Amino acid sequence: MATKDYTMSNQLRHNCVSVTMTKKKELSHDLRTHGVNAHSGGKGYKAISKELDVPVSSVQSIIKMFNTVKNLDGCVRKRKVSSRVTRKICRHANNNSRITTKALIDTLNQAGETVSRFTIQRILQGGGLHGHRPRKTPLLTQRHRDARLAFARGYLDRDTNFWSSILWSDETKLELFGYMDVAYVWRKKGKAFNPKNTIPT
C-alpha cells in the first residue's frame, strides 16, 4: 500500500511540474484532487503536504480558501459604472453621434452619477463606438443623388480621349455650417458615410 501511495505521489508531482512550467502559482488538477480527497478521508494538512511534497500553506489554500479543485479567476476590481449606466451612455452616443464626453458627463451628473471622461471613452470604445472625424460630403437631397447617379451612368463608358478634353474647374471652400476642424462623431466601423456621421459642405 505504501509503495502504491509513493508511486502516485511521484506521478502527481510530475504532473505538477509540467503544469507549473506555464502557470507558476497553480497546482495541477490531479494534485489538488488528491489533496481534497485525502483531507476528506481524514488526513491532516501536514500529512498531505508531506505526501504530495507541497507546502502546507498550499494544502490549506486548496481545502480552506478555494474549497474546490477548479482554477479560480483572478481578483478583479469592481466596476465603477453599472450596466444600466453603461447602456445609457452608449444609447446617448448612438442617438446623437456628435455628443461630446463633456455633455455626457453633465447628463450623468444631473442623474446623480459621477463618471470621468476617460471612463466614458472606455465605455464607448467597449461598445464599438470610436471617435472619428466626420466625412465631408456635399449637402444633397435624394433628388440630387438620383440626378448625379443618372449623370454618372451616362458617362460611364466614355474613353480617355473624351476625359482628356474636359476642363476641370476649381472648387471654392465655403463653410456654410460653421467650423469643421474640431468636429468628431462617435460611430461604429463601416458607418462612416451614414448621413448623421458626415458634415455637409
N, C-alpha and C. Protein backbone atom coordinates (compact mmCIF):
# COMPACT_ATOMS: atom_id res chain seq x y z
N MET A 1 0.84 -1.21 0.00
CA MET A 1 0.00 0.00 0.00
C MET A 1 0.87 1.26 0.00
N ALA A 2 1.96 1.19 0.82
CA ALA A 2 2.86 2.35 0.91
C ALA A 2 3.54 2.60 -0.42
N THR A 3 3.91 1.49 -1.11
CA THR A 3 4.56 1.62 -2.42
C THR A 3 3.62 2.26 -3.43
N LYS A 4 2.33 1.87 -3.39
CA LYS A 4 1.34 2.43 -4.30
C LYS A 4 1.17 3.92 -4.08
N ASP A 5 1.09 4.34 -2.78
CA ASP A 5 0.94 5.77 -2.47
C ASP A 5 2.17 6.54 -2.91
N TYR A 6 3.36 5.94 -2.73
CA TYR A 6 4.60 6.61 -3.13
C TYR A 6 4.65 6.82 -4.63
N THR A 7 4.22 5.79 -5.38
CA THR A 7 4.20 5.90 -6.84
C THR A 7 3.22 6.96 -7.29
N MET A 8 2.03 7.00 -6.66
CA MET A 8 1.02 8.00 -7.01
C MET A 8 1.51 9.41 -6.71
N SER A 9 2.21 9.56 -5.58
CA SER A 9 2.72 10.89 -5.21
C SER A 9 3.75 11.36 -6.22
N ASN A 10 4.63 10.45 -6.65
CA ASN A 10 5.63 10.83 -7.66
C ASN A 10 4.99 11.24 -8.96
N GLN A 11 3.92 10.49 -9.36
CA GLN A 11 3.23 10.82 -10.60
C GLN A 11 2.55 12.18 -10.50
N LEU A 12 1.93 12.45 -9.35
CA LEU A 12 1.25 13.73 -9.15
C LEU A 12 2.25 14.89 -9.14
N ARG A 13 3.42 14.67 -8.52
CA ARG A 13 4.44 15.72 -8.51
C ARG A 13 4.95 16.00 -9.92
N HIS A 14 5.06 14.93 -10.71
CA HIS A 14 5.49 15.10 -12.11
C HIS A 14 4.47 15.93 -12.88
N ASN A 15 3.18 15.66 -12.66
CA ASN A 15 2.12 16.45 -13.31
C ASN A 15 2.16 17.89 -12.85
N CYS A 16 2.45 18.08 -11.57
CA CYS A 16 2.51 19.44 -11.03
C CYS A 16 3.62 20.24 -11.70
N VAL A 17 4.79 19.62 -11.89
CA VAL A 17 5.91 20.31 -12.52
C VAL A 17 5.57 20.72 -13.94
N SER A 18 4.90 19.83 -14.68
CA SER A 18 4.55 20.13 -16.07
C SER A 18 3.56 21.27 -16.16
N VAL A 19 2.70 21.41 -15.17
CA VAL A 19 1.71 22.49 -15.18
C VAL A 19 2.34 23.80 -14.75
N THR A 20 3.21 23.75 -13.73
CA THR A 20 3.79 24.99 -13.22
C THR A 20 4.77 25.60 -14.19
N MET A 21 5.16 24.88 -15.25
CA MET A 21 6.00 25.49 -16.29
C MET A 21 5.27 26.64 -16.96
N THR A 22 3.92 26.51 -17.07
CA THR A 22 3.12 27.54 -17.72
C THR A 22 2.40 28.41 -16.71
N LYS A 23 1.89 27.81 -15.64
CA LYS A 23 1.18 28.55 -14.60
C LYS A 23 1.92 28.33 -13.28
N LYS A 24 2.71 29.29 -12.92
CA LYS A 24 3.64 29.10 -11.83
C LYS A 24 2.94 28.94 -10.49
N LYS A 25 1.81 29.61 -10.28
CA LYS A 25 1.19 29.66 -8.97
C LYS A 25 0.05 28.67 -8.81
N GLU A 26 -0.20 27.83 -9.80
CA GLU A 26 -1.31 26.89 -9.73
C GLU A 26 -0.81 25.46 -9.71
N LEU A 27 -1.35 24.67 -8.79
CA LEU A 27 -1.03 23.25 -8.74
C LEU A 27 -1.86 22.52 -9.79
N SER A 28 -1.38 21.35 -10.17
CA SER A 28 -2.11 20.59 -11.19
C SER A 28 -3.46 20.14 -10.65
N HIS A 29 -4.38 19.87 -11.57
CA HIS A 29 -5.73 19.44 -11.18
C HIS A 29 -5.67 18.11 -10.43
N ASP A 30 -4.84 17.18 -10.89
CA ASP A 30 -4.73 15.87 -10.23
C ASP A 30 -4.20 16.02 -8.81
N LEU A 31 -3.23 16.90 -8.64
CA LEU A 31 -2.65 17.10 -7.32
C LEU A 31 -3.67 17.68 -6.35
N ARG A 32 -4.44 18.64 -6.81
CA ARG A 32 -5.46 19.24 -5.94
C ARG A 32 -6.57 18.25 -5.62
N THR A 33 -6.96 17.47 -6.63
CA THR A 33 -8.00 16.46 -6.40
C THR A 33 -7.55 15.46 -5.35
N HIS A 34 -6.31 15.01 -5.47
CA HIS A 34 -5.78 14.06 -4.50
C HIS A 34 -5.73 14.67 -3.10
N GLY A 35 -5.35 15.97 -3.02
CA GLY A 35 -5.29 16.62 -1.73
C GLY A 35 -6.65 16.75 -1.08
N VAL A 36 -7.66 17.14 -1.86
CA VAL A 36 -9.02 17.27 -1.33
C VAL A 36 -9.56 15.91 -0.89
N ASN A 37 -9.33 14.89 -1.71
CA ASN A 37 -9.81 13.55 -1.36
C ASN A 37 -9.12 13.01 -0.11
N ALA A 38 -7.81 13.30 0.01
CA ALA A 38 -7.08 12.85 1.19
C ALA A 38 -7.60 13.52 2.45
N HIS A 39 -7.91 14.82 2.35
CA HIS A 39 -8.45 15.53 3.51
C HIS A 39 -9.83 15.02 3.87
N SER A 40 -10.63 14.72 2.84
CA SER A 40 -11.96 14.16 3.11
C SER A 40 -11.85 12.79 3.76
N GLY A 41 -10.75 12.08 3.49
CA GLY A 41 -10.55 10.76 4.09
C GLY A 41 -10.00 10.81 5.50
N GLY A 42 -9.76 12.01 6.03
CA GLY A 42 -9.34 12.13 7.42
C GLY A 42 -7.89 12.52 7.63
N LYS A 43 -7.12 12.73 6.57
CA LYS A 43 -5.72 13.10 6.73
C LYS A 43 -5.59 14.59 7.05
N GLY A 44 -4.53 14.93 7.79
CA GLY A 44 -4.29 16.32 8.15
C GLY A 44 -3.48 17.05 7.10
N TYR A 45 -3.33 18.38 7.31
CA TYR A 45 -2.62 19.21 6.35
C TYR A 45 -1.15 18.77 6.21
N LYS A 46 -0.50 18.51 7.34
CA LYS A 46 0.92 18.17 7.29
C LYS A 46 1.14 16.84 6.59
N ALA A 47 0.26 15.88 6.86
CA ALA A 47 0.40 14.57 6.22
C ALA A 47 0.23 14.68 4.71
N ILE A 48 -0.76 15.49 4.30
CA ILE A 48 -0.99 15.67 2.86
C ILE A 48 0.17 16.44 2.24
N SER A 49 0.69 17.44 2.97
CA SER A 49 1.81 18.23 2.47
C SER A 49 3.04 17.35 2.25
N LYS A 50 3.31 16.46 3.20
CA LYS A 50 4.46 15.57 3.09
C LYS A 50 4.26 14.56 1.97
N GLU A 51 3.04 14.08 1.84
CA GLU A 51 2.75 13.06 0.83
C GLU A 51 2.88 13.62 -0.59
N LEU A 52 2.42 14.86 -0.78
CA LEU A 52 2.43 15.45 -2.12
C LEU A 52 3.65 16.33 -2.37
N ASP A 53 4.45 16.54 -1.32
CA ASP A 53 5.66 17.36 -1.43
C ASP A 53 5.33 18.79 -1.88
N VAL A 54 4.33 19.37 -1.21
CA VAL A 54 3.96 20.76 -1.45
C VAL A 54 3.87 21.46 -0.10
N PRO A 55 3.98 22.79 -0.05
CA PRO A 55 3.89 23.50 1.23
C PRO A 55 2.53 23.29 1.90
N VAL A 56 2.56 23.36 3.23
CA VAL A 56 1.31 23.22 3.99
C VAL A 56 0.34 24.33 3.62
N SER A 57 0.89 25.53 3.38
CA SER A 57 0.02 26.66 3.02
C SER A 57 -0.74 26.40 1.73
N SER A 58 -0.10 25.68 0.79
CA SER A 58 -0.79 25.35 -0.47
C SER A 58 -1.94 24.39 -0.22
N VAL A 59 -1.72 23.42 0.66
CA VAL A 59 -2.79 22.47 1.00
C VAL A 59 -3.94 23.21 1.67
N GLN A 60 -3.62 24.13 2.58
CA GLN A 60 -4.67 24.90 3.25
C GLN A 60 -5.45 25.75 2.26
N SER A 61 -4.76 26.34 1.29
CA SER A 61 -5.44 27.17 0.30
C SER A 61 -6.42 26.35 -0.52
N ILE A 62 -5.99 25.14 -0.91
CA ILE A 62 -6.86 24.29 -1.72
C ILE A 62 -8.11 23.91 -0.95
N ILE A 63 -7.93 23.50 0.30
CA ILE A 63 -9.05 22.94 1.06
C ILE A 63 -9.88 24.02 1.74
N LYS A 64 -9.22 25.00 2.36
CA LYS A 64 -9.96 26.00 3.13
C LYS A 64 -10.46 27.16 2.27
N MET A 65 -9.55 27.80 1.56
CA MET A 65 -9.91 29.01 0.83
C MET A 65 -10.70 28.70 -0.43
N PHE A 66 -10.16 27.82 -1.27
CA PHE A 66 -10.83 27.53 -2.53
C PHE A 66 -11.98 26.56 -2.36
N ASN A 67 -11.77 25.56 -1.50
CA ASN A 67 -12.79 24.53 -1.28
C ASN A 67 -13.20 23.86 -2.59
N THR A 68 -12.26 23.84 -3.54
CA THR A 68 -12.55 23.25 -4.84
C THR A 68 -11.23 22.92 -5.51
N VAL A 69 -11.30 22.16 -6.59
CA VAL A 69 -10.09 21.82 -7.34
C VAL A 69 -10.04 22.58 -8.65
N LYS A 70 -10.99 23.49 -8.87
CA LYS A 70 -11.03 24.26 -10.11
C LYS A 70 -10.10 25.46 -10.03
N ASN A 71 -9.64 25.93 -11.18
CA ASN A 71 -8.88 27.17 -11.25
C ASN A 71 -9.83 28.34 -11.08
N LEU A 72 -9.55 29.21 -10.14
CA LEU A 72 -10.42 30.35 -9.89
C LEU A 72 -9.90 31.57 -10.64
N ASP A 73 -10.82 32.46 -10.99
CA ASP A 73 -10.44 33.69 -11.67
C ASP A 73 -9.64 34.58 -10.73
N GLY A 74 -8.79 35.40 -11.31
CA GLY A 74 -8.01 36.32 -10.51
C GLY A 74 -8.89 37.40 -9.88
N CYS A 75 -8.33 38.13 -8.94
CA CYS A 75 -9.07 39.19 -8.27
C CYS A 75 -9.27 40.35 -9.25
N VAL A 76 -10.51 40.73 -9.46
CA VAL A 76 -10.84 41.78 -10.42
C VAL A 76 -11.50 42.93 -9.68
N ARG A 77 -11.06 44.14 -9.97
CA ARG A 77 -11.65 45.31 -9.32
C ARG A 77 -13.10 45.48 -9.75
N LYS A 78 -13.95 45.82 -8.80
CA LYS A 78 -15.36 46.00 -9.08
C LYS A 78 -15.56 47.16 -10.06
N ARG A 79 -16.48 46.97 -11.01
CA ARG A 79 -16.74 48.01 -12.00
C ARG A 79 -17.30 49.26 -11.33
N LYS A 80 -16.80 50.41 -11.75
CA LYS A 80 -17.25 51.68 -11.18
C LYS A 80 -18.63 52.06 -11.70
N VAL A 81 -18.93 51.65 -12.93
CA VAL A 81 -20.18 52.04 -13.58
C VAL A 81 -21.05 50.80 -13.75
N SER A 82 -22.32 50.94 -13.40
CA SER A 82 -23.24 49.81 -13.52
C SER A 82 -23.58 49.56 -14.99
N SER A 83 -24.13 48.39 -15.25
CA SER A 83 -24.52 48.04 -16.62
C SER A 83 -25.62 48.97 -17.13
N ARG A 84 -26.47 49.45 -16.24
CA ARG A 84 -27.54 50.37 -16.64
C ARG A 84 -26.96 51.69 -17.14
N VAL A 85 -25.98 52.23 -16.42
CA VAL A 85 -25.34 53.48 -16.83
C VAL A 85 -24.55 53.27 -18.12
N THR A 86 -23.93 52.11 -18.25
CA THR A 86 -23.18 51.80 -19.48
C THR A 86 -24.10 51.82 -20.69
N ARG A 87 -25.27 51.19 -20.56
CA ARG A 87 -26.24 51.19 -21.67
C ARG A 87 -26.74 52.60 -21.95
N LYS A 88 -26.91 53.39 -20.91
CA LYS A 88 -27.39 54.77 -21.08
C LYS A 88 -26.38 55.60 -21.86
N ILE A 89 -25.09 55.46 -21.54
CA ILE A 89 -24.05 56.22 -22.24
C ILE A 89 -24.00 55.83 -23.71
N CYS A 90 -24.03 54.53 -23.99
CA CYS A 90 -23.99 54.06 -25.39
C CYS A 90 -25.24 54.49 -26.14
N ARG A 91 -26.39 54.51 -25.47
CA ARG A 91 -27.63 54.92 -26.12
C ARG A 91 -27.58 56.40 -26.50
N HIS A 92 -27.06 57.25 -25.62
CA HIS A 92 -26.93 58.68 -25.93
C HIS A 92 -26.02 58.88 -27.14
N ALA A 93 -24.90 58.15 -27.19
CA ALA A 93 -23.95 58.32 -28.29
C ALA A 93 -24.52 57.78 -29.60
N ASN A 94 -25.33 56.72 -29.52
CA ASN A 94 -25.96 56.19 -30.74
C ASN A 94 -27.01 57.14 -31.28
N ASN A 95 -27.77 57.75 -30.37
CA ASN A 95 -28.82 58.68 -30.80
C ASN A 95 -28.25 59.99 -31.32
N ASN A 96 -27.15 60.44 -30.74
CA ASN A 96 -26.51 61.69 -31.16
C ASN A 96 -25.02 61.44 -31.29
N SER A 97 -24.57 61.12 -32.50
CA SER A 97 -23.17 60.74 -32.69
C SER A 97 -22.21 61.90 -32.46
N ARG A 98 -22.71 63.14 -32.43
CA ARG A 98 -21.84 64.31 -32.24
C ARG A 98 -21.75 64.74 -30.79
N ILE A 99 -22.36 64.01 -29.90
CA ILE A 99 -22.34 64.40 -28.49
C ILE A 99 -20.92 64.29 -27.95
N THR A 100 -20.53 65.22 -27.10
CA THR A 100 -19.18 65.23 -26.53
C THR A 100 -19.18 64.52 -25.18
N THR A 101 -17.98 64.13 -24.75
CA THR A 101 -17.88 63.49 -23.45
C THR A 101 -18.28 64.45 -22.33
N LYS A 102 -18.02 65.75 -22.52
CA LYS A 102 -18.42 66.74 -21.51
C LYS A 102 -19.94 66.78 -21.38
N ALA A 103 -20.64 66.72 -22.52
CA ALA A 103 -22.10 66.72 -22.47
C ALA A 103 -22.61 65.45 -21.79
N LEU A 104 -21.95 64.33 -22.03
CA LEU A 104 -22.35 63.08 -21.37
C LEU A 104 -22.11 63.15 -19.87
N ILE A 105 -20.99 63.77 -19.48
CA ILE A 105 -20.71 63.93 -18.04
C ILE A 105 -21.78 64.78 -17.39
N ASP A 106 -22.17 65.89 -18.04
CA ASP A 106 -23.21 66.76 -17.48
C ASP A 106 -24.54 66.02 -17.37
N THR A 107 -24.87 65.21 -18.38
CA THR A 107 -26.12 64.45 -18.34
C THR A 107 -26.12 63.45 -17.19
N LEU A 108 -24.99 62.78 -16.98
CA LEU A 108 -24.90 61.80 -15.90
C LEU A 108 -24.88 62.47 -14.54
N ASN A 109 -24.25 63.66 -14.45
CA ASN A 109 -24.24 64.38 -13.18
C ASN A 109 -25.64 64.78 -12.75
N GLN A 110 -26.47 65.16 -13.72
CA GLN A 110 -27.86 65.51 -13.41
C GLN A 110 -28.63 64.31 -12.88
N ALA A 111 -28.21 63.11 -13.30
CA ALA A 111 -28.87 61.89 -12.83
C ALA A 111 -28.21 61.34 -11.57
N GLY A 112 -27.23 62.08 -11.01
CA GLY A 112 -26.58 61.65 -9.78
C GLY A 112 -25.43 60.69 -9.97
N GLU A 113 -24.94 60.55 -11.20
CA GLU A 113 -23.82 59.65 -11.49
C GLU A 113 -22.56 60.48 -11.74
N THR A 114 -21.45 60.08 -11.11
CA THR A 114 -20.18 60.76 -11.30
C THR A 114 -19.24 59.84 -12.08
N VAL A 115 -18.94 60.22 -13.30
CA VAL A 115 -18.10 59.40 -14.18
C VAL A 115 -17.07 60.31 -14.85
N SER A 116 -15.84 59.85 -14.96
CA SER A 116 -14.79 60.65 -15.58
C SER A 116 -14.86 60.55 -17.10
N ARG A 117 -14.16 61.47 -17.75
CA ARG A 117 -14.13 61.49 -19.22
C ARG A 117 -13.49 60.22 -19.77
N PHE A 118 -12.44 59.75 -19.10
CA PHE A 118 -11.74 58.56 -19.59
C PHE A 118 -12.60 57.30 -19.44
N THR A 119 -13.40 57.26 -18.36
CA THR A 119 -14.30 56.11 -18.19
C THR A 119 -15.34 56.08 -19.29
N ILE A 120 -15.88 57.25 -19.64
CA ILE A 120 -16.88 57.33 -20.71
C ILE A 120 -16.27 56.89 -22.03
N GLN A 121 -15.05 57.33 -22.30
CA GLN A 121 -14.38 56.93 -23.54
C GLN A 121 -14.18 55.42 -23.60
N ARG A 122 -13.78 54.82 -22.48
CA ARG A 122 -13.59 53.36 -22.45
C ARG A 122 -14.90 52.63 -22.65
N ILE A 123 -15.99 53.15 -22.07
CA ILE A 123 -17.30 52.51 -22.23
C ILE A 123 -17.74 52.57 -23.68
N LEU A 124 -17.59 53.73 -24.31
CA LEU A 124 -18.00 53.88 -25.71
C LEU A 124 -17.16 52.98 -26.62
N GLN A 125 -15.86 52.93 -26.37
CA GLN A 125 -15.00 52.07 -27.19
C GLN A 125 -15.32 50.60 -26.96
N GLY A 126 -15.67 50.26 -25.72
CA GLY A 126 -16.08 48.88 -25.45
C GLY A 126 -17.37 48.52 -26.15
N GLY A 127 -18.22 49.51 -26.41
CA GLY A 127 -19.46 49.28 -27.15
C GLY A 127 -19.30 49.39 -28.65
N GLY A 128 -18.06 49.50 -29.12
CA GLY A 128 -17.81 49.56 -30.56
C GLY A 128 -17.90 50.95 -31.14
N LEU A 129 -18.01 51.99 -30.30
CA LEU A 129 -18.11 53.37 -30.76
C LEU A 129 -16.77 54.07 -30.56
N HIS A 130 -16.18 54.54 -31.64
CA HIS A 130 -14.88 55.20 -31.59
C HIS A 130 -15.00 56.61 -32.17
N GLY A 131 -14.20 57.53 -31.63
CA GLY A 131 -14.23 58.90 -32.11
C GLY A 131 -13.52 59.05 -33.44
N HIS A 132 -14.19 59.62 -34.42
CA HIS A 132 -13.62 59.83 -35.75
C HIS A 132 -13.97 61.22 -36.24
N ARG A 133 -13.13 61.76 -37.11
CA ARG A 133 -13.51 62.98 -37.81
C ARG A 133 -14.60 62.62 -38.81
N PRO A 134 -15.68 63.38 -38.86
CA PRO A 134 -16.75 63.05 -39.81
C PRO A 134 -16.32 63.26 -41.25
N ARG A 135 -16.80 62.41 -42.13
CA ARG A 135 -16.51 62.55 -43.56
C ARG A 135 -17.27 63.75 -44.11
N LYS A 136 -16.60 64.51 -44.98
CA LYS A 136 -17.22 65.69 -45.58
C LYS A 136 -17.87 65.29 -46.89
N THR A 137 -19.15 65.48 -46.97
CA THR A 137 -19.91 65.12 -48.17
C THR A 137 -20.76 66.30 -48.62
N PRO A 138 -21.06 66.42 -49.90
CA PRO A 138 -21.93 67.51 -50.37
C PRO A 138 -23.32 67.41 -49.74
N LEU A 139 -23.92 68.58 -49.53
CA LEU A 139 -25.28 68.62 -48.98
C LEU A 139 -26.25 68.33 -50.12
N LEU A 140 -26.69 67.10 -50.20
CA LEU A 140 -27.54 66.66 -51.31
C LEU A 140 -28.86 66.11 -50.80
N THR A 141 -29.92 66.39 -51.55
CA THR A 141 -31.20 65.75 -51.29
C THR A 141 -31.28 64.47 -52.10
N GLN A 142 -32.34 63.71 -51.92
CA GLN A 142 -32.49 62.48 -52.69
C GLN A 142 -32.61 62.77 -54.18
N ARG A 143 -33.23 63.90 -54.53
CA ARG A 143 -33.35 64.28 -55.94
C ARG A 143 -31.98 64.54 -56.55
N HIS A 144 -31.12 65.21 -55.77
CA HIS A 144 -29.75 65.45 -56.24
C HIS A 144 -29.00 64.14 -56.45
N ARG A 145 -29.16 63.21 -55.52
CA ARG A 145 -28.46 61.93 -55.62
C ARG A 145 -28.90 61.16 -56.87
N ASP A 146 -30.21 61.15 -57.12
CA ASP A 146 -30.72 60.44 -58.30
C ASP A 146 -30.19 61.07 -59.59
N ALA A 147 -30.16 62.42 -59.63
CA ALA A 147 -29.67 63.10 -60.83
C ALA A 147 -28.18 62.84 -61.05
N ARG A 148 -27.39 62.85 -59.98
CA ARG A 148 -25.96 62.59 -60.11
C ARG A 148 -25.68 61.15 -60.54
N LEU A 149 -26.47 60.23 -60.02
CA LEU A 149 -26.29 58.83 -60.40
C LEU A 149 -26.60 58.63 -61.88
N ALA A 150 -27.67 59.28 -62.36
CA ALA A 150 -28.02 59.17 -63.78
C ALA A 150 -26.93 59.81 -64.65
N PHE A 151 -26.37 60.93 -64.19
CA PHE A 151 -25.29 61.60 -64.93
C PHE A 151 -24.05 60.70 -65.01
N ALA A 152 -23.69 60.08 -63.88
CA ALA A 152 -22.50 59.23 -63.85
C ALA A 152 -22.68 58.01 -64.75
N ARG A 153 -23.86 57.44 -64.74
CA ARG A 153 -24.11 56.28 -65.60
C ARG A 153 -24.07 56.66 -67.08
N GLY A 154 -24.47 57.90 -67.39
CA GLY A 154 -24.46 58.34 -68.78
C GLY A 154 -23.06 58.48 -69.34
N TYR A 155 -22.08 58.75 -68.48
CA TYR A 155 -20.69 58.92 -68.93
C TYR A 155 -19.80 57.75 -68.52
N LEU A 156 -20.41 56.65 -68.15
CA LEU A 156 -19.65 55.52 -67.62
C LEU A 156 -18.72 54.91 -68.66
N ASP A 157 -19.16 54.85 -69.91
CA ASP A 157 -18.40 54.15 -70.96
C ASP A 157 -17.56 55.09 -71.83
N ARG A 158 -17.38 56.33 -71.42
CA ARG A 158 -16.56 57.27 -72.21
C ARG A 158 -15.09 56.87 -72.14
N ASP A 159 -14.36 57.08 -73.24
CA ASP A 159 -12.95 56.70 -73.27
C ASP A 159 -12.08 57.82 -72.71
N THR A 160 -10.78 57.54 -72.63
CA THR A 160 -9.85 58.52 -72.04
C THR A 160 -9.69 59.77 -72.90
N ASN A 161 -9.87 59.65 -74.21
CA ASN A 161 -9.77 60.83 -75.08
C ASN A 161 -10.85 61.86 -74.74
N PHE A 162 -12.03 61.36 -74.41
CA PHE A 162 -13.11 62.27 -74.02
C PHE A 162 -12.76 63.01 -72.74
N TRP A 163 -12.26 62.27 -71.73
CA TRP A 163 -11.98 62.89 -70.44
C TRP A 163 -10.78 63.83 -70.50
N SER A 164 -9.85 63.58 -71.44
CA SER A 164 -8.70 64.48 -71.56
C SER A 164 -9.09 65.83 -72.13
N SER A 165 -10.25 65.90 -72.75
CA SER A 165 -10.71 67.18 -73.31
C SER A 165 -11.56 67.98 -72.33
N ILE A 166 -11.77 67.43 -71.14
CA ILE A 166 -12.59 68.11 -70.13
C ILE A 166 -11.71 69.07 -69.33
N LEU A 167 -12.18 70.27 -69.14
CA LEU A 167 -11.50 71.26 -68.31
C LEU A 167 -12.16 71.25 -66.93
N TRP A 168 -11.41 70.80 -65.93
CA TRP A 168 -11.96 70.69 -64.58
C TRP A 168 -11.84 72.03 -63.87
N SER A 169 -12.94 72.51 -63.35
CA SER A 169 -12.94 73.81 -62.66
C SER A 169 -12.53 73.64 -61.21
N ASP A 170 -12.03 74.74 -60.62
CA ASP A 170 -11.65 74.73 -59.21
C ASP A 170 -12.89 74.82 -58.35
N GLU A 171 -12.76 74.40 -57.10
CA GLU A 171 -13.87 74.49 -56.15
C GLU A 171 -13.46 75.40 -55.01
N THR A 172 -14.36 76.27 -54.61
CA THR A 172 -14.10 77.18 -53.51
C THR A 172 -14.66 76.58 -52.23
N LYS A 173 -13.87 76.62 -51.17
CA LYS A 173 -14.30 76.06 -49.89
C LYS A 173 -15.17 77.08 -49.16
N LEU A 174 -16.42 76.73 -48.94
CA LEU A 174 -17.35 77.58 -48.20
C LEU A 174 -17.88 76.78 -47.02
N GLU A 175 -17.60 77.25 -45.82
CA GLU A 175 -18.07 76.55 -44.62
C GLU A 175 -19.41 77.13 -44.22
N LEU A 176 -20.46 76.57 -44.80
CA LEU A 176 -21.80 77.08 -44.54
C LEU A 176 -22.33 76.63 -43.19
N PHE A 177 -21.72 75.60 -42.60
CA PHE A 177 -22.25 75.03 -41.37
C PHE A 177 -21.29 75.19 -40.20
N GLY A 178 -20.52 76.29 -40.21
CA GLY A 178 -19.61 76.56 -39.11
C GLY A 178 -18.27 75.88 -39.31
N TYR A 179 -17.39 76.04 -38.31
CA TYR A 179 -16.06 75.45 -38.40
C TYR A 179 -16.16 73.94 -38.24
N MET A 180 -15.41 73.24 -39.08
CA MET A 180 -15.48 71.78 -39.08
C MET A 180 -14.18 71.13 -38.64
N ASP A 181 -13.21 71.92 -38.19
CA ASP A 181 -11.90 71.37 -37.86
C ASP A 181 -11.89 70.59 -36.55
N VAL A 182 -12.81 70.89 -35.64
CA VAL A 182 -12.78 70.25 -34.32
C VAL A 182 -13.94 69.28 -34.13
N ALA A 183 -14.64 68.98 -35.18
CA ALA A 183 -15.82 68.12 -35.05
C ALA A 183 -15.42 66.66 -35.00
N TYR A 184 -16.05 65.91 -34.10
CA TYR A 184 -15.85 64.47 -34.01
C TYR A 184 -17.21 63.80 -33.90
N VAL A 185 -17.27 62.57 -34.32
CA VAL A 185 -18.50 61.79 -34.17
C VAL A 185 -18.14 60.44 -33.56
N TRP A 186 -19.10 59.88 -32.80
CA TRP A 186 -18.96 58.53 -32.27
C TRP A 186 -19.69 57.60 -33.22
N ARG A 187 -18.95 56.71 -33.86
CA ARG A 187 -19.58 55.81 -34.82
C ARG A 187 -18.90 54.45 -34.78
N LYS A 188 -19.62 53.46 -35.31
CA LYS A 188 -19.08 52.12 -35.40
C LYS A 188 -18.39 51.92 -36.74
N LYS A 189 -17.63 50.86 -36.84
CA LYS A 189 -16.90 50.55 -38.06
C LYS A 189 -17.87 50.31 -39.20
N GLY A 190 -17.58 50.90 -40.37
CA GLY A 190 -18.44 50.73 -41.53
C GLY A 190 -19.58 51.72 -41.62
N LYS A 191 -19.67 52.67 -40.66
CA LYS A 191 -20.76 53.65 -40.64
C LYS A 191 -20.25 55.06 -40.97
N ALA A 192 -19.13 55.16 -41.70
CA ALA A 192 -18.52 56.47 -41.95
C ALA A 192 -19.42 57.36 -42.79
N PHE A 193 -20.15 56.79 -43.75
CA PHE A 193 -20.95 57.61 -44.66
C PHE A 193 -22.44 57.60 -44.30
N ASN A 194 -22.76 57.17 -43.11
CA ASN A 194 -24.12 57.37 -42.62
C ASN A 194 -24.37 58.87 -42.52
N PRO A 195 -25.49 59.37 -43.05
CA PRO A 195 -25.71 60.83 -43.07
C PRO A 195 -25.49 61.52 -41.73
N LYS A 196 -25.81 60.84 -40.62
CA LYS A 196 -25.65 61.50 -39.32
C LYS A 196 -24.17 61.58 -38.90
N ASN A 197 -23.29 60.86 -39.62
CA ASN A 197 -21.87 60.87 -39.29
C ASN A 197 -21.04 61.67 -40.29
N THR A 198 -21.69 62.47 -41.13
CA THR A 198 -20.99 63.26 -42.13
C THR A 198 -21.23 64.75 -41.91
N ILE A 199 -20.40 65.57 -42.54
CA ILE A 199 -20.57 67.03 -42.49
C ILE A 199 -20.89 67.52 -43.89
N PRO A 200 -21.99 68.23 -44.07
CA PRO A 200 -22.30 68.77 -45.41
C PRO A 200 -21.37 69.91 -45.77
N THR A 201 -20.97 69.98 -47.02
CA THR A 201 -20.07 71.05 -47.47
C THR A 201 -20.68 71.77 -48.67
